[in-house]
Amino acid sequence: MATDLRRLVRCARAIRAIRGVSRFRVASMATVVLAFSVGTAAGPTVSQPATLGEPDSAADFQVRIEGVQRPSRQGLDVLTLEEVMARFGVPGMSVAVIRDFEVHWAKGYGIADVETGMPVDDETLFQAASISKPVTAMAALAAVQDGRFSLDDDINAILTSWRLPGNGFTDARPVTPRLLFSHTAGLGDGHGFPGYEPDAPRPTPVQILQGDAPSNVGPVTMVRTPLTAMHYSGGGTTIMQLALTDVLGEPFPEIMRTSVLEPAGMTHSTFLQPLPPALDENAARGHGGDGQPLGDAKWHVYSALAAAGLWTNAQDLARFAIEVQRSARGDPGRMLTASSAADMLSPVGVGPFAVGFLVERTGEGWYFSHSGSNWGFVCNLIAHKVKGYGLAVMTNASGGWVVSQELLERVQRAYGWDALDKPVLR
C-alpha cells in the first residue's frame, strides 16, 4: 500500500507539471490515477473497467452505467444495474439514451413476463401511461398548424359531442387547449385512470368525463377559475382526446398514428386498446412491487387513450423527444415549427407545465420531461431543451420509479449532463 501511495504522489506531481492542461482535465486525470491505484490493490471488477477514462463508444458507456459505480458514493452505487432491478422487484426494463440529437444506444434488460420467461429486447412494448399526454399534445399542435383550432380557443367552441360545464368559473376566462394540456384549466378530477380488465366493459370518453357507468372514476368538473393554479388532471387530456376526434372525424388511435407516431419514426408504437394479439406477442406484463404478476390479466386496458393509452418502447420514446428537440431548434422538415415546439417547452406561467411537458431547471440545464404509472408499469422520459441529450426508461413493475431514477443518475454522470453542474462561486 505504501508503494502504491508513493506511486500516486509521483503521478499527481507529473500531472501538475503538464502545461496547458485545464483544471478540469487535471482533475479527470487524477481520478484516473486514483482509480488505477485502487484497482492495483483490489483488482478490477467484472462489471466495471479498472480505469475511468473517457468512454469512446456506446458499449463503453453501457459498461460504465451497468456496473458498480466508481467513484462509489455508497448507496446503490455498490450494485450493478441488474442488482438494482432485482432489489426493487423490476423484472424488465427498456432503455434508450439520446446523445447529439440521436439515439446513442437502446437496450432491453431482464424479463418481459415472469410467467413465460420471455426476455426484454429493444423492441418490447411497455405501457407509457401518462407519457401519452405530451404525445397527444403534439397531435393537437399538428392540428393547430393545420388551422383546425388554436391553443387559445374556447374548448366548447371546438367540441361538438359534449360540452364542458363552466359551473360559474369560466365567465371571465374560458378553458382552452393550452390550459388543459398544462393542467391549469381549473378542473378538479385530480385522478389517474386505473384501467379495466381486458374482458370488462369499457366506457366512452363522454362516459368518462361525465362519470357514467361503466367508468370507474368520477366526473370531470370545473372547481376553480382557469389559470388560478396547476393541479394535475388526466381528465383535461381526455377532453382533448374528444376534441381531436370531434374535429378530425377519425378514431383516436388512427389520428395518433398518422399525425405523430409515423412521422416521428415511432414504428413500434400504438394507441390501440386492447393491444392486438400480434403486437402482444412481444409486450411486457405488468408486475407489482415484488416483481410478481398483479393478477390473471397480463395488463389493463384504457379508454382514456390520450391520458394513458400509449404502448411503446424506450427507443420510440427517445425518437419522440428528439423530434421535439429538433423542432425546437428549427431544423428543416420537422413535424412542428419552432414556434409550436416552443409551446411544448414554455410553461404557461402557473406551475411548471407547458403544452404537454413539465419543464424544469436541474443544475445548470433546462429539461423537459414526463413520467407515467399504469397498472404494473412505470416509466420516465427526460431530455435537454437545447443540448440534444436525454433518456427514456420503461419498466414493467410498480417499483420501477426508484430504478429509473438510479439509472438517470448513472447516465447523467457517465455523459456529463449539465444537470450536475453548479453555479460558479464568485
Protein backbone atom coordinates (compact mmCIF):
# COMPACT_ATOMS: atom_id res chain seq x y z
CA MET A 1 0.00 0.00 0.00
CA ALA A 2 2.89 2.42 0.83
CA THR A 3 4.40 1.75 -2.57
CA ASP A 4 1.04 2.45 -4.19
CA LEU A 5 0.73 5.75 -2.31
CA ARG A 6 4.21 6.85 -3.38
CA ARG A 7 3.33 5.99 -6.95
CA LEU A 8 0.15 8.04 -6.65
CA VAL A 9 2.09 11.08 -5.35
CA ARG A 10 4.61 10.86 -8.21
CA CYS A 11 1.80 10.61 -10.78
CA ALA A 12 -0.04 13.56 -9.25
CA ARG A 13 3.14 15.69 -9.44
CA ALA A 14 3.60 14.69 -13.05
CA ILE A 15 0.05 15.73 -13.83
CA ARG A 16 0.56 19.15 -12.25
CA ALA A 17 3.70 19.60 -14.34
CA ILE A 18 1.84 19.20 -17.63
CA ARG A 19 1.48 22.59 -19.30
CA GLY A 20 -1.72 23.75 -20.98
CA VAL A 21 -3.95 21.27 -19.17
CA SER A 22 -7.10 22.76 -17.66
CA ARG A 23 -8.00 22.28 -14.02
CA PHE A 24 -10.97 20.17 -15.12
CA ARG A 25 -8.72 17.91 -17.19
CA VAL A 26 -6.18 17.61 -14.35
CA ALA A 27 -8.96 16.60 -12.01
CA SER A 28 -10.12 14.00 -14.52
CA MET A 29 -6.61 12.63 -14.89
CA ALA A 30 -6.19 12.50 -11.13
CA THR A 31 -9.39 10.50 -10.92
CA VAL A 32 -7.97 8.03 -13.42
CA VAL A 33 -4.76 7.73 -11.37
CA LEU A 34 -6.70 7.15 -8.18
CA ALA A 35 -8.88 4.54 -9.85
CA PHE A 36 -5.77 2.78 -11.18
CA SER A 37 -4.13 2.78 -7.77
CA VAL A 38 -7.21 1.33 -6.11
CA GLY A 39 -7.59 -1.15 -8.95
CA THR A 40 -3.99 -2.28 -8.49
CA ALA A 41 -4.62 -3.02 -4.86
CA ALA A 42 -8.02 -4.62 -5.16
CA GLY A 43 -8.22 -5.71 -8.81
CA PRO A 44 -10.84 -4.65 -11.36
CA THR A 45 -14.43 -5.87 -11.12
CA VAL A 46 -16.02 -7.85 -13.90
CA SER A 47 -18.75 -5.22 -14.40
CA GLN A 48 -16.57 -2.07 -14.43
CA PRO A 49 -13.28 -1.17 -16.14
CA ALA A 50 -10.25 -0.77 -13.88
CA THR A 51 -9.88 2.87 -15.02
CA LEU A 52 -12.45 5.57 -15.57
CA GLY A 53 -11.15 7.34 -18.63
CA GLU A 54 -13.45 8.98 -21.15
CA PRO A 55 -15.72 6.35 -22.78
CA ASP A 56 -15.21 6.02 -26.54
CA SER A 57 -18.22 4.03 -27.73
CA ALA A 58 -21.82 3.33 -26.81
CA ALA A 59 -20.63 -0.02 -25.43
CA ASP A 60 -18.17 1.78 -23.15
CA PHE A 61 -20.96 3.96 -21.78
CA GLN A 62 -23.17 0.93 -21.21
CA VAL A 63 -20.43 -0.85 -19.24
CA ARG A 64 -19.95 2.19 -17.03
CA ILE A 65 -23.70 2.64 -16.43
CA GLU A 66 -24.48 -1.03 -15.86
CA GLY A 67 -21.63 -1.78 -13.50
CA VAL A 68 -20.74 -0.94 -9.92
CA GLN A 69 -20.19 2.82 -9.83
CA ARG A 70 -16.77 4.39 -9.34
CA PRO A 71 -16.10 6.55 -7.50
CA SER A 72 -18.66 5.00 -5.19
CA ARG A 73 -20.92 7.19 -3.09
CA GLN A 74 -22.23 4.06 -1.39
CA GLY A 75 -25.99 3.53 -1.51
CA LEU A 76 -26.94 1.89 -4.80
CA ASP A 77 -23.54 2.66 -6.34
CA VAL A 78 -22.25 -0.63 -4.92
CA LEU A 79 -24.74 -2.58 -7.05
CA THR A 80 -24.81 -3.40 -10.74
CA LEU A 81 -27.85 -2.20 -12.66
CA GLU A 82 -29.26 -5.73 -12.73
CA GLU A 83 -28.84 -5.95 -8.97
CA VAL A 84 -30.70 -2.64 -8.57
CA MET A 85 -33.57 -4.05 -10.64
CA ALA A 86 -33.68 -7.18 -8.50
CA ARG A 87 -33.65 -5.21 -5.24
CA PHE A 88 -36.73 -3.22 -6.26
CA GLY A 89 -38.64 -6.06 -7.88
CA VAL A 90 -38.36 -4.89 -11.50
CA PRO A 91 -38.28 -7.90 -13.85
CA GLY A 92 -37.75 -5.95 -17.07
CA MET A 93 -36.74 -2.59 -18.44
CA SER A 94 -36.43 -0.81 -21.79
CA VAL A 95 -33.78 1.94 -22.03
CA ALA A 96 -32.74 4.43 -24.70
CA VAL A 97 -30.10 7.16 -24.34
CA ILE A 98 -30.11 10.29 -26.51
CA ARG A 99 -26.85 11.97 -27.45
CA ASP A 100 -26.29 14.71 -30.05
CA PHE A 101 -29.94 14.59 -31.13
CA GLU A 102 -29.71 10.87 -31.95
CA VAL A 103 -30.47 7.60 -30.20
CA HIS A 104 -26.97 6.73 -28.96
CA TRP A 105 -27.99 3.27 -27.81
CA ALA A 106 -31.07 1.31 -26.80
CA LYS A 107 -31.30 -1.94 -24.90
CA GLY A 108 -33.74 -4.26 -23.18
CA TYR A 109 -32.96 -5.65 -19.72
CA GLY A 110 -34.40 -8.59 -17.84
CA ILE A 111 -37.71 -10.38 -18.29
CA ALA A 112 -40.83 -9.06 -20.01
CA ASP A 113 -43.17 -11.59 -18.40
CA VAL A 114 -42.21 -13.67 -15.36
CA GLU A 115 -44.87 -16.24 -16.21
CA THR A 116 -43.41 -17.06 -19.62
CA GLY A 117 -39.79 -16.03 -19.02
CA MET A 118 -39.76 -14.02 -22.26
CA PRO A 119 -36.76 -11.64 -22.25
CA VAL A 120 -37.00 -7.94 -22.95
CA ASP A 121 -35.42 -6.75 -26.20
CA ASP A 122 -35.13 -3.21 -27.51
CA GLU A 123 -38.48 -3.57 -29.32
CA THR A 124 -40.55 -4.99 -26.44
CA LEU A 125 -43.69 -2.91 -25.85
CA PHE A 126 -44.47 -1.31 -22.49
CA GLN A 127 -47.34 0.89 -21.41
CA ALA A 128 -46.23 4.53 -21.47
CA ALA A 129 -49.04 5.58 -19.10
CA SER A 130 -49.09 9.39 -18.69
CA ILE A 131 -46.32 9.94 -21.24
CA SER A 132 -49.28 9.53 -23.59
CA LYS A 133 -50.19 13.13 -22.68
CA PRO A 134 -47.30 15.02 -24.35
CA VAL A 135 -47.57 12.70 -27.36
CA THR A 136 -51.22 13.75 -27.62
CA ALA A 137 -50.16 17.38 -27.21
CA MET A 138 -48.01 17.05 -30.32
CA ALA A 139 -51.03 15.77 -32.27
CA ALA A 140 -53.01 18.79 -31.09
CA LEU A 141 -50.23 21.14 -32.20
CA ALA A 142 -50.19 19.47 -35.60
CA ALA A 143 -53.93 20.21 -35.84
CA VAL A 144 -53.25 23.80 -34.79
CA GLN A 145 -50.67 24.14 -37.56
CA ASP A 146 -53.28 22.83 -40.00
CA GLY A 147 -55.66 25.57 -38.90
CA ARG A 148 -58.21 23.29 -37.21
CA PHE A 149 -58.25 25.33 -33.99
CA SER A 150 -55.88 27.38 -31.85
CA LEU A 151 -54.37 26.65 -28.46
CA ASP A 152 -56.30 29.58 -27.01
CA ASP A 153 -59.76 28.82 -28.41
CA ASP A 154 -62.61 28.14 -26.01
CA ILE A 155 -62.75 24.34 -25.77
CA ASN A 156 -66.54 24.47 -26.02
CA ALA A 157 -66.15 26.09 -29.45
CA ILE A 158 -64.10 23.07 -30.55
CA LEU A 159 -66.13 20.22 -29.01
CA THR A 160 -69.27 19.01 -30.79
CA SER A 161 -70.16 15.77 -28.96
CA TRP A 162 -70.04 17.10 -25.39
CA ARG A 163 -69.82 20.40 -23.57
CA LEU A 164 -67.72 21.25 -20.50
CA PRO A 165 -69.98 22.85 -17.85
CA GLY A 166 -68.39 26.07 -16.63
CA ASN A 167 -70.04 25.94 -13.19
CA GLY A 168 -69.65 29.72 -12.99
CA PHE A 169 -65.83 29.55 -13.21
CA THR A 170 -65.42 30.41 -16.91
CA ASP A 171 -67.28 33.71 -17.10
CA ALA A 172 -64.08 35.78 -17.30
CA ARG A 173 -61.68 33.27 -18.88
CA PRO A 174 -62.55 30.20 -21.00
CA VAL A 175 -60.98 26.77 -20.76
CA THR A 176 -58.60 26.31 -23.69
CA PRO A 177 -56.40 23.53 -25.10
CA ARG A 178 -53.32 25.33 -23.73
CA LEU A 179 -54.76 25.27 -20.21
CA LEU A 180 -55.96 21.66 -20.49
CA PHE A 181 -52.53 20.41 -21.56
CA SER A 182 -50.77 22.43 -18.83
CA HIS A 183 -53.15 21.29 -16.05
CA THR A 184 -54.20 24.87 -15.31
CA ALA A 185 -57.78 24.74 -16.65
CA GLY A 186 -59.40 24.62 -13.21
CA LEU A 187 -60.57 21.01 -13.36
CA GLY A 188 -61.00 19.07 -10.15
CA ASP A 189 -60.76 15.42 -11.14
CA GLY A 190 -57.20 15.01 -9.83
CA HIS A 191 -57.31 11.28 -10.51
CA GLY A 192 -55.44 8.82 -12.63
CA PHE A 193 -57.04 6.01 -14.56
CA PRO A 194 -56.86 2.50 -13.06
CA GLY A 195 -57.89 0.89 -16.34
CA TYR A 196 -60.05 -2.17 -16.88
CA GLU A 197 -59.66 -5.91 -17.13
CA PRO A 198 -59.29 -6.88 -20.82
CA ASP A 199 -62.74 -8.52 -20.95
CA ALA A 200 -64.57 -5.87 -18.88
CA PRO A 201 -66.94 -3.28 -20.38
CA ARG A 202 -65.17 -0.03 -21.17
CA PRO A 203 -66.63 3.48 -21.18
CA THR A 204 -66.61 6.01 -23.98
CA PRO A 205 -64.74 9.28 -23.48
CA VAL A 206 -68.04 11.05 -22.78
CA GLN A 207 -68.93 8.47 -20.12
CA ILE A 208 -65.52 9.03 -18.53
CA LEU A 209 -65.98 12.81 -18.49
CA GLN A 210 -69.46 12.52 -17.01
CA GLY A 211 -68.60 9.74 -14.56
CA ASP A 212 -71.23 7.44 -16.04
CA ALA A 213 -71.07 3.63 -15.92
CA PRO A 214 -69.05 1.67 -16.78
CA SER A 215 -66.49 4.37 -15.96
CA ASN A 216 -64.62 3.56 -12.73
CA VAL A 217 -63.66 7.20 -11.98
CA GLY A 218 -65.66 10.25 -11.02
CA PRO A 219 -66.78 13.05 -13.36
CA VAL A 220 -64.50 15.77 -14.69
CA THR A 221 -65.80 19.14 -13.46
CA MET A 222 -64.69 22.74 -13.01
CA VAL A 223 -63.79 23.64 -9.42
CA ARG A 224 -61.77 26.87 -9.83
CA THR A 225 -61.20 29.73 -12.25
CA PRO A 226 -58.88 28.82 -15.14
CA LEU A 227 -55.20 29.68 -14.65
CA THR A 228 -55.66 30.01 -10.88
CA ALA A 229 -53.36 27.07 -10.06
CA MET A 230 -51.74 23.99 -11.54
CA HIS A 231 -53.48 20.78 -10.47
CA TYR A 232 -52.72 17.64 -12.44
CA SER A 233 -55.74 16.47 -14.41
CA GLY A 234 -55.93 13.37 -16.55
CA GLY A 235 -59.48 14.41 -17.31
CA GLY A 236 -58.22 17.50 -19.10
CA THR A 237 -56.27 15.41 -21.59
CA THR A 238 -59.35 13.21 -22.05
CA ILE A 239 -61.26 16.34 -23.05
CA MET A 240 -58.56 16.95 -25.68
CA GLN A 241 -58.94 13.34 -26.88
CA LEU A 242 -62.60 14.05 -27.51
CA ALA A 243 -61.82 17.41 -29.13
CA LEU A 244 -59.39 15.84 -31.60
CA THR A 245 -61.85 13.14 -32.64
CA ASP A 246 -64.67 15.71 -32.95
CA VAL A 247 -62.55 17.98 -35.17
CA LEU A 248 -60.75 15.38 -37.27
CA GLY A 249 -63.58 12.84 -37.52
CA GLU A 250 -61.36 9.77 -37.12
CA PRO A 251 -60.76 7.22 -34.35
CA PHE A 252 -58.18 8.47 -31.87
CA PRO A 253 -55.62 5.66 -32.49
CA GLU A 254 -55.71 6.47 -36.20
CA ILE A 255 -55.26 10.19 -35.55
CA MET A 256 -52.22 9.46 -33.41
CA ARG A 257 -50.74 7.02 -35.92
CA THR A 258 -50.90 9.42 -38.86
CA SER A 259 -50.15 12.70 -37.08
CA VAL A 260 -47.40 11.68 -34.61
CA LEU A 261 -46.30 8.05 -34.44
CA GLU A 262 -45.41 7.50 -38.09
CA PRO A 263 -43.94 10.98 -38.76
CA ALA A 264 -41.77 10.73 -35.63
CA GLY A 265 -40.48 7.28 -36.62
CA MET A 266 -42.22 5.57 -33.70
CA THR A 267 -42.59 2.38 -35.70
CA HIS A 268 -43.31 0.09 -32.74
CA SER A 269 -45.93 2.24 -31.03
CA THR A 270 -49.72 2.25 -30.97
CA PHE A 271 -52.71 3.68 -29.13
CA LEU A 272 -54.82 0.62 -29.93
CA GLN A 273 -56.53 -0.73 -26.80
CA PRO A 274 -56.67 -3.59 -26.09
CA LEU A 275 -53.35 -4.45 -27.67
CA PRO A 276 -53.85 -6.65 -30.77
CA PRO A 277 -52.60 -10.25 -30.37
CA ALA A 278 -49.86 -9.82 -32.99
CA LEU A 279 -48.37 -6.93 -31.01
CA ASP A 280 -48.95 -8.60 -27.66
CA GLU A 281 -46.50 -11.34 -28.64
CA ASN A 282 -43.65 -9.01 -27.68
CA ALA A 283 -45.39 -6.95 -24.99
CA ALA A 284 -44.46 -6.82 -21.33
CA ARG A 285 -46.69 -7.97 -18.49
CA GLY A 286 -47.47 -5.61 -15.61
CA HIS A 287 -45.95 -6.64 -12.25
CA GLY A 288 -46.29 -5.49 -8.67
CA GLY A 289 -43.62 -4.10 -6.37
CA ASP A 290 -42.46 -7.64 -5.59
CA GLY A 291 -41.84 -8.39 -9.24
CA GLN A 292 -44.75 -10.84 -9.41
CA PRO A 293 -47.88 -10.69 -11.60
CA LEU A 294 -50.62 -8.43 -10.27
CA GLY A 295 -53.35 -10.84 -11.26
CA ASP A 296 -54.61 -13.07 -14.03
CA ALA A 297 -54.63 -10.22 -16.54
CA LYS A 298 -51.38 -9.52 -18.34
CA TRP A 299 -52.18 -5.79 -18.45
CA HIS A 300 -55.09 -3.41 -18.05
CA VAL A 301 -56.97 -1.73 -20.89
CA TYR A 302 -57.55 2.04 -21.03
CA SER A 303 -60.33 4.08 -22.62
CA ALA A 304 -58.67 7.37 -21.68
CA LEU A 305 -56.25 6.86 -24.55
CA ALA A 306 -54.82 10.38 -24.65
CA ALA A 307 -54.03 10.26 -20.95
CA ALA A 308 -52.81 6.68 -20.55
CA GLY A 309 -53.21 4.55 -23.69
CA LEU A 310 -49.84 4.51 -25.50
CA TRP A 311 -47.97 1.24 -26.00
CA THR A 312 -44.34 1.85 -26.98
CA ASN A 313 -40.70 1.18 -26.10
CA ALA A 314 -37.86 3.39 -24.92
CA GLN A 315 -36.32 3.72 -28.36
CA ASP A 316 -39.55 5.11 -29.83
CA LEU A 317 -40.00 7.46 -26.86
CA ALA A 318 -36.47 8.73 -27.47
CA ARG A 319 -37.35 9.38 -31.12
CA PHE A 320 -40.35 11.40 -29.96
CA ALA A 321 -38.18 13.53 -27.66
CA ILE A 322 -35.63 14.04 -30.44
CA GLU A 323 -38.41 15.25 -32.74
CA VAL A 324 -39.30 17.87 -30.14
CA GLN A 325 -35.64 18.88 -29.71
CA ARG A 326 -35.02 19.20 -33.43
CA SER A 327 -38.27 21.08 -33.99
CA ALA A 328 -37.35 23.49 -31.21
CA ARG A 329 -34.02 24.39 -32.80
CA GLY A 330 -35.72 24.98 -36.14
CA ASP A 331 -34.35 22.05 -38.12
CA PRO A 332 -35.97 21.85 -41.58
CA GLY A 333 -38.53 19.16 -42.35
CA ARG A 334 -39.61 18.57 -38.76
CA MET A 335 -43.16 17.85 -37.63
CA LEU A 336 -43.55 21.09 -35.70
CA THR A 337 -42.44 24.64 -36.37
CA ALA A 338 -40.04 26.14 -33.86
CA SER A 339 -42.93 28.24 -32.56
CA SER A 340 -45.12 25.17 -31.96
CA ALA A 341 -42.25 23.35 -30.26
CA ALA A 342 -41.75 26.38 -28.03
CA ASP A 343 -45.35 25.93 -26.85
CA MET A 344 -44.40 22.43 -25.69
CA LEU A 345 -41.33 23.74 -23.86
CA SER A 346 -42.54 27.02 -22.33
CA PRO A 347 -44.54 26.83 -19.08
CA VAL A 348 -47.76 28.82 -19.27
CA GLY A 349 -46.94 30.93 -16.23
CA VAL A 350 -48.69 28.95 -13.49
CA GLY A 351 -46.89 25.78 -12.46
CA PRO A 352 -44.08 24.00 -14.33
CA PHE A 353 -46.14 22.57 -17.22
CA ALA A 354 -46.09 23.75 -20.82
CA VAL A 355 -48.32 22.24 -23.51
CA GLY A 356 -47.79 18.61 -22.57
CA PHE A 357 -44.39 18.62 -20.88
CA LEU A 358 -43.13 19.51 -17.43
CA VAL A 359 -40.22 21.94 -17.85
CA GLU A 360 -37.71 22.50 -15.05
CA ARG A 361 -34.18 23.68 -14.38
CA THR A 362 -31.91 20.99 -12.95
CA GLY A 363 -28.40 22.04 -12.09
CA GLU A 364 -27.43 24.46 -14.86
CA GLY A 365 -29.68 22.96 -17.53
CA TRP A 366 -33.32 23.20 -18.55
CA TYR A 367 -35.09 19.91 -19.22
CA PHE A 368 -38.49 18.80 -20.45
CA SER A 369 -39.91 15.59 -19.07
CA HIS A 370 -42.91 13.45 -18.27
CA SER A 371 -43.29 10.32 -16.18
CA GLY A 372 -46.05 7.73 -16.13
CA SER A 373 -47.54 5.00 -13.99
CA ASN A 374 -50.16 2.48 -15.07
CA TRP A 375 -51.25 -0.81 -13.53
CA GLY A 376 -47.90 -2.65 -13.28
CA PHE A 377 -45.88 -0.19 -15.38
CA VAL A 378 -43.69 2.82 -14.50
CA CYS A 379 -41.75 4.95 -17.00
CA ASN A 380 -39.92 8.24 -17.42
CA LEU A 381 -38.81 10.45 -20.32
CA ILE A 382 -36.46 13.40 -19.89
CA ALA A 383 -34.49 15.46 -22.42
CA HIS A 384 -32.49 18.69 -22.54
CA LYS A 385 -34.14 21.69 -24.19
CA VAL A 386 -31.15 22.67 -26.33
CA LYS A 387 -28.20 20.29 -25.91
CA GLY A 388 -29.57 17.22 -27.65
CA TYR A 389 -29.35 14.62 -24.90
CA GLY A 390 -31.88 12.69 -22.87
CA LEU A 391 -33.10 9.37 -21.52
CA ALA A 392 -36.17 7.16 -21.87
CA VAL A 393 -36.79 4.41 -19.31
CA MET A 394 -39.73 1.99 -19.24
CA THR A 395 -40.26 -0.68 -16.57
CA ASN A 396 -42.83 -3.41 -16.09
CA ALA A 397 -43.28 -3.18 -12.32
CA SER A 398 -44.74 -0.87 -9.70
CA GLY A 399 -41.28 -0.44 -8.14
CA GLY A 400 -39.81 0.94 -11.33
CA TRP A 401 -39.54 4.57 -10.28
CA VAL A 402 -36.54 4.10 -7.97
CA VAL A 403 -34.77 2.07 -10.65
CA SER A 404 -35.46 4.70 -13.31
CA GLN A 405 -34.07 7.45 -11.07
CA GLU A 406 -30.94 5.44 -10.30
CA LEU A 407 -30.42 4.86 -14.00
CA LEU A 408 -30.92 8.57 -14.68
CA GLU A 409 -28.20 9.47 -12.16
CA ARG A 410 -25.80 6.98 -13.75
CA VAL A 411 -26.47 8.34 -17.22
CA GLN A 412 -26.03 11.93 -16.00
CA ARG A 413 -22.63 11.11 -14.50
CA ALA A 414 -21.42 8.99 -17.41
CA TYR A 415 -22.36 11.54 -20.07
CA GLY A 416 -21.59 14.66 -18.04
CA TRP A 417 -25.03 16.25 -18.17
CA ASP A 418 -25.28 19.85 -17.01
CA ALA A 419 -27.88 18.67 -14.50
CA LEU A 420 -24.83 18.04 -12.32
CA ASP A 421 -23.32 21.50 -12.82
CA LYS A 422 -23.48 24.08 -10.05
CA PRO A 423 -23.40 27.87 -10.28
CA VAL A 424 -19.90 29.35 -10.29
CA LEU A 425 -18.97 30.89 -6.94
CA ARG A 426 -17.71 34.48 -7.04
